[in-house]
Each structure stands twice: as structure tokens, then as C-alpha cells.
Amino acid sequence: MARGVIPSSLMISLDRLAKCRAGGRVTKAGVAFDYSWATQDTASFLLIREPHHSDEDIDRAVAEIVATGESAGPVRVARLDAAALRPREAAGFFDSPG
């Protein structure tokens, strides 16, 4: 991965990913991101790595963010919560009898 990238152990929910996408926070490489303001002019960025993203996708996303001049430092990269990606089993009234 590119220099200036910090892999994170942070796990992102599908809900947060959807909010980022709905808010238009997606790089040209197709990587969704979130941010928080660090100063009046710069922000701290968090890329959301999905299972289909390659290291090259992440590198392109980082380069795009850095090129804006708005990054306050290294860009963090989080992953989707793996539990959120697994299909849920049926429960409740629709369970089949044992």
C-alpha cells in the first residue's frame, strides 16, 4: 500500500458504508470514505475497504484524497465488519420444526 496509509483494525458496519455512499463520499476508484475535520482547512480521512478492493484501488483512493490538499495526515483504512457480510439464518415464526 501507498506511503501515508495506516491500516486500521477498525471494523465498519454496512450502515456506515451506506451512509458514506449516499452522501457521495466515494473516490473515483470506487472506495467509500468518511472524514472528520481536523482543522479549519484539513480533515482526517478513513477509507472503507470492501472485499473486492485491491491494494491498487486503495492506493488510487489515497492519491486522490492527498491531491485535494485536505488530508491532515496519513489516511486510515478500515474494513467492513465480516459478520455483516454473512447471510443471516431465519429465526422466529418461520423456523421449521425440529
C-alpha atoms as a PDB file:
ATOM      1  CA  MET A   1       0.000   0.000   0.000  1.00  0.00           C
ATOM      2  CA  ALA A   2       0.991   3.591  -0.537  1.00  0.00           C
ATOM      3  CA  ARG A   3       3.068   5.557   1.913  1.00  0.00           C
ATOM      4  CA  GLY A   4       0.922   7.692   4.190  1.00  0.00           C
ATOM      5  CA  VAL A   5      -1.608   4.897   4.728  1.00  0.00           C
ATOM      6  CA  ILE A   6      -2.334   3.456   8.141  1.00  0.00           C
ATOM      7  CA  PRO A   7      -4.133   0.087   8.165  1.00  0.00           C
ATOM      8  CA  SER A   8      -6.692   0.108  10.945  1.00  0.00           C
ATOM      9  CA  SER A   9      -8.282  -2.656  12.993  1.00  0.00           C
ATOM     10  CA  LEU A  10     -11.499  -0.631  12.883  1.00  0.00           C
ATOM     11  CA  MET A  11     -14.465  -2.561  11.511  1.00  0.00           C
ATOM     12  CA  ILE A  12     -17.144  -0.560   9.679  1.00  0.00           C
ATOM     13  CA  SER A  13     -20.828  -1.518   9.573  1.00  0.00           C
ATOM     14  CA  LEU A  14     -22.817  -1.825   6.359  1.00  0.00           C
ATOM     15  CA  ASP A  15     -24.979   1.033   7.653  1.00  0.00           C
ATOM     16  CA  ARG A  16     -21.990   3.400   7.871  1.00  0.00           C
ATOM     17  CA  LEU A  17     -20.819   2.306   4.400  1.00  0.00           C
ATOM     18  CA  ALA A  18     -24.300   3.017   3.010  1.00  0.00           C
ATOM     19  CA  LYS A  19     -24.363   6.477   4.632  1.00  0.00           C
ATOM     20  CA  CYS A  20     -20.980   7.336   3.093  1.00  0.00           C
ATOM     21  CA  ARG A  21     -22.102   6.177  -0.349  1.00  0.00           C
ATOM     22  CA  ALA A  22     -25.441   8.008  -0.047  1.00  0.00           C
ATOM     23  CA  GLY A  23     -23.568  11.169   0.904  1.00  0.00           C
ATOM     24  CA  GLY A  24     -21.384  10.920  -2.208  1.00  0.00           C
ATOM     25  CA  ARG A  25     -18.235  10.147  -0.243  1.00  0.00           C
ATOM     26  CA  VAL A  26     -16.735   7.775  -2.824  1.00  0.00           C
ATOM     27  CA  THR A  27     -13.434   8.203  -4.667  1.00  0.00           C
ATOM     28  CA  LYS A  28     -13.048   7.771  -8.423  1.00  0.00           C
ATOM     29  CA  ALA A  29     -11.505   4.366  -7.612  1.00  0.00           C
ATOM     30  CA  GLY A  30     -14.858   3.362  -6.094  1.00  0.00           C
ATOM     31  CA  VAL A  31     -13.674   3.360  -2.476  1.00  0.00           C
ATOM     32  CA  ALA A  32     -16.095   4.873   0.030  1.00  0.00           C
ATOM     33  CA  PHE A  33     -14.658   7.112   2.736  1.00  0.00           C
ATOM     34  CA  ASP A  34     -15.607   9.031   5.827  1.00  0.00           C
ATOM     35  CA  TYR A  35     -13.864  12.006   7.371  1.00  0.00           C
ATOM     36  CA  SER A  36     -13.785  14.294  10.368  1.00  0.00           C
ATOM     37  CA  TRP A  37     -12.444  17.837  10.406  1.00  0.00           C
ATOM     38  CA  ALA A  38      -9.001  18.097  11.994  1.00  0.00           C
ATOM     39  CA  THR A  39      -8.548  21.851  11.500  1.00  0.00           C
ATOM     40  CA  GLN A  40     -10.470  24.574   9.736  1.00  0.00           C
ATOM     41  CA  ASP A  41      -8.893  23.550   6.420  1.00  0.00           C
ATOM     42  CA  THR A  42      -7.946  19.881   6.752  1.00  0.00           C
ATOM     43  CA  ALA A  43      -9.622  16.606   7.646  1.00  0.00           C
ATOM     44  CA  SER A  44      -8.746  13.139   8.842  1.00  0.00           C
ATOM     45  CA  PHE A  45      -9.840  10.543   6.270  1.00  0.00           C
ATOM     46  CA  LEU A  46     -10.932   6.928   6.708  1.00  0.00           C
ATOM     47  CA  LEU A  47     -11.203   4.698   3.630  1.00  0.00           C
ATOM     48  CA  ILE A  48     -13.584   1.745   3.808  1.00  0.00           C
ATOM     49  CA  ARG A  49     -12.013  -1.294   2.191  1.00  0.00           C
ATOM     50  CA  GLU A  50     -14.564  -3.742   0.806  1.00  0.00           C
ATOM     51  CA  PRO A  51     -13.682  -7.357  -0.033  1.00  0.00           C
ATOM     52  CA  HIS A  52     -13.454  -6.624  -3.785  1.00  0.00           C
ATOM     53  CA  HIS A  53     -10.978  -3.728  -3.409  1.00  0.00           C
ATOM     54  CA  SER A  54      -7.376  -4.370  -4.418  1.00  0.00           C
ATOM     55  CA  ASP A  55      -4.308  -2.667  -2.972  1.00  0.00           C
ATOM     56  CA  GLU A  56      -4.185  -0.647  -6.189  1.00  0.00           C
ATOM     57  CA  ASP A  57      -7.757   0.618  -5.599  1.00  0.00           C
ATOM     58  CA  ILE A  58      -6.737   1.774  -2.134  1.00  0.00           C
ATOM     59  CA  ASP A  59      -3.556   3.410  -3.473  1.00  0.00           C
ATOM     60  CA  ARG A  60      -5.561   5.310  -6.117  1.00  0.00           C
ATOM     61  CA  ALA A  61      -8.088   6.434  -3.491  1.00  0.00           C
ATOM     62  CA  VAL A  62      -5.320   7.668  -1.185  1.00  0.00           C
ATOM     63  CA  ALA A  63      -3.629   9.545  -4.051  1.00  0.00           C
ATOM     64  CA  GLU A  64      -6.941  11.221  -4.914  1.00  0.00           C
ATOM     65  CA  ILE A  65      -7.518  12.336  -1.313  1.00  0.00           C
ATOM     66  CA  VAL A  66      -3.942  13.568  -0.873  1.00  0.00           C
ATOM     67  CA  ALA A  67      -4.140  15.506  -4.156  1.00  0.00           C
ATOM     68  CA  THR A  68      -7.030  17.588  -2.782  1.00  0.00           C
ATOM     69  CA  GLY A  69      -4.727  19.036  -0.134  1.00  0.00           C
ATOM     70  CA  GLU A  70      -7.406  18.467   2.506  1.00  0.00           C
ATOM     71  CA  SER A  71      -5.791  15.490   4.247  1.00  0.00           C
ATOM     72  CA  ALA A  72      -4.433  16.335   7.708  1.00  0.00           C
ATOM     73  CA  GLY A  73      -2.070  13.376   7.739  1.00  0.00           C
ATOM     74  CA  PRO A  74      -1.970   9.691   6.929  1.00  0.00           C
ATOM     75  CA  VAL A  75      -5.170   8.162   5.571  1.00  0.00           C
ATOM     76  CA  ARG A  76      -6.583   5.319   7.641  1.00  0.00           C
ATOM     77  CA  VAL A  77      -8.040   2.202   6.035  1.00  0.00           C
ATOM     78  CA  ALA A  78     -10.793   0.231   7.776  1.00  0.00           C
ATOM     79  CA  ARG A  79     -12.573  -2.962   6.730  1.00  0.00           C
ATOM     80  CA  LEU A  80     -16.220  -3.952   6.601  1.00  0.00           C
ATOM     81  CA  ASP A  81     -17.393  -5.975   9.569  1.00  0.00           C
ATOM     82  CA  ALA A  82     -17.221  -9.591   8.329  1.00  0.00           C
ATOM     83  CA  ALA A  83     -20.261 -10.546  10.427  1.00  0.00           C
ATOM     84  CA  ALA A  84     -22.325  -8.005   8.497  1.00  0.00           C
ATOM     85  CA  LEU A  85     -21.434  -9.707   5.204  1.00  0.00           C
ATOM     86  CA  ARG A  86     -22.649 -13.185   6.199  1.00  0.00           C
ATOM     87  CA  PRO A  87     -26.257 -14.057   5.374  1.00  0.00           C
ATOM     88  CA  ARG A  88     -28.428 -14.404   8.452  1.00  0.00           C
ATOM     89  CA  GLU A  89     -30.314 -17.560   9.257  1.00  0.00           C
ATOM     90  CA  ALA A  90     -34.078 -17.453   9.569  1.00  0.00           C
ATOM     91  CA  ALA A  91     -35.384 -17.104  13.097  1.00  0.00           C
ATOM     92  CA  GLY A  92     -38.665 -16.679  14.879  1.00  0.00           C
ATOM     93  CA  PHE A  93     -42.046 -17.651  13.494  1.00  0.00           C
ATOM     94  CA  PHE A  94     -40.635 -19.052  10.279  1.00  0.00           C
ATOM     95  CA  ASP A  95     -38.296 -21.632  11.802  1.00  0.00           C
ATOM     96  CA  SER A  96     -39.043 -25.119  10.569  1.00  0.00           C
ATOM     97  CA  PRO A  97     -39.959 -27.638  13.265  1.00  0.00           C
ATOM     98  CA  GLY A  98     -37.011 -29.713  14.511  1.00  0.00           C
END
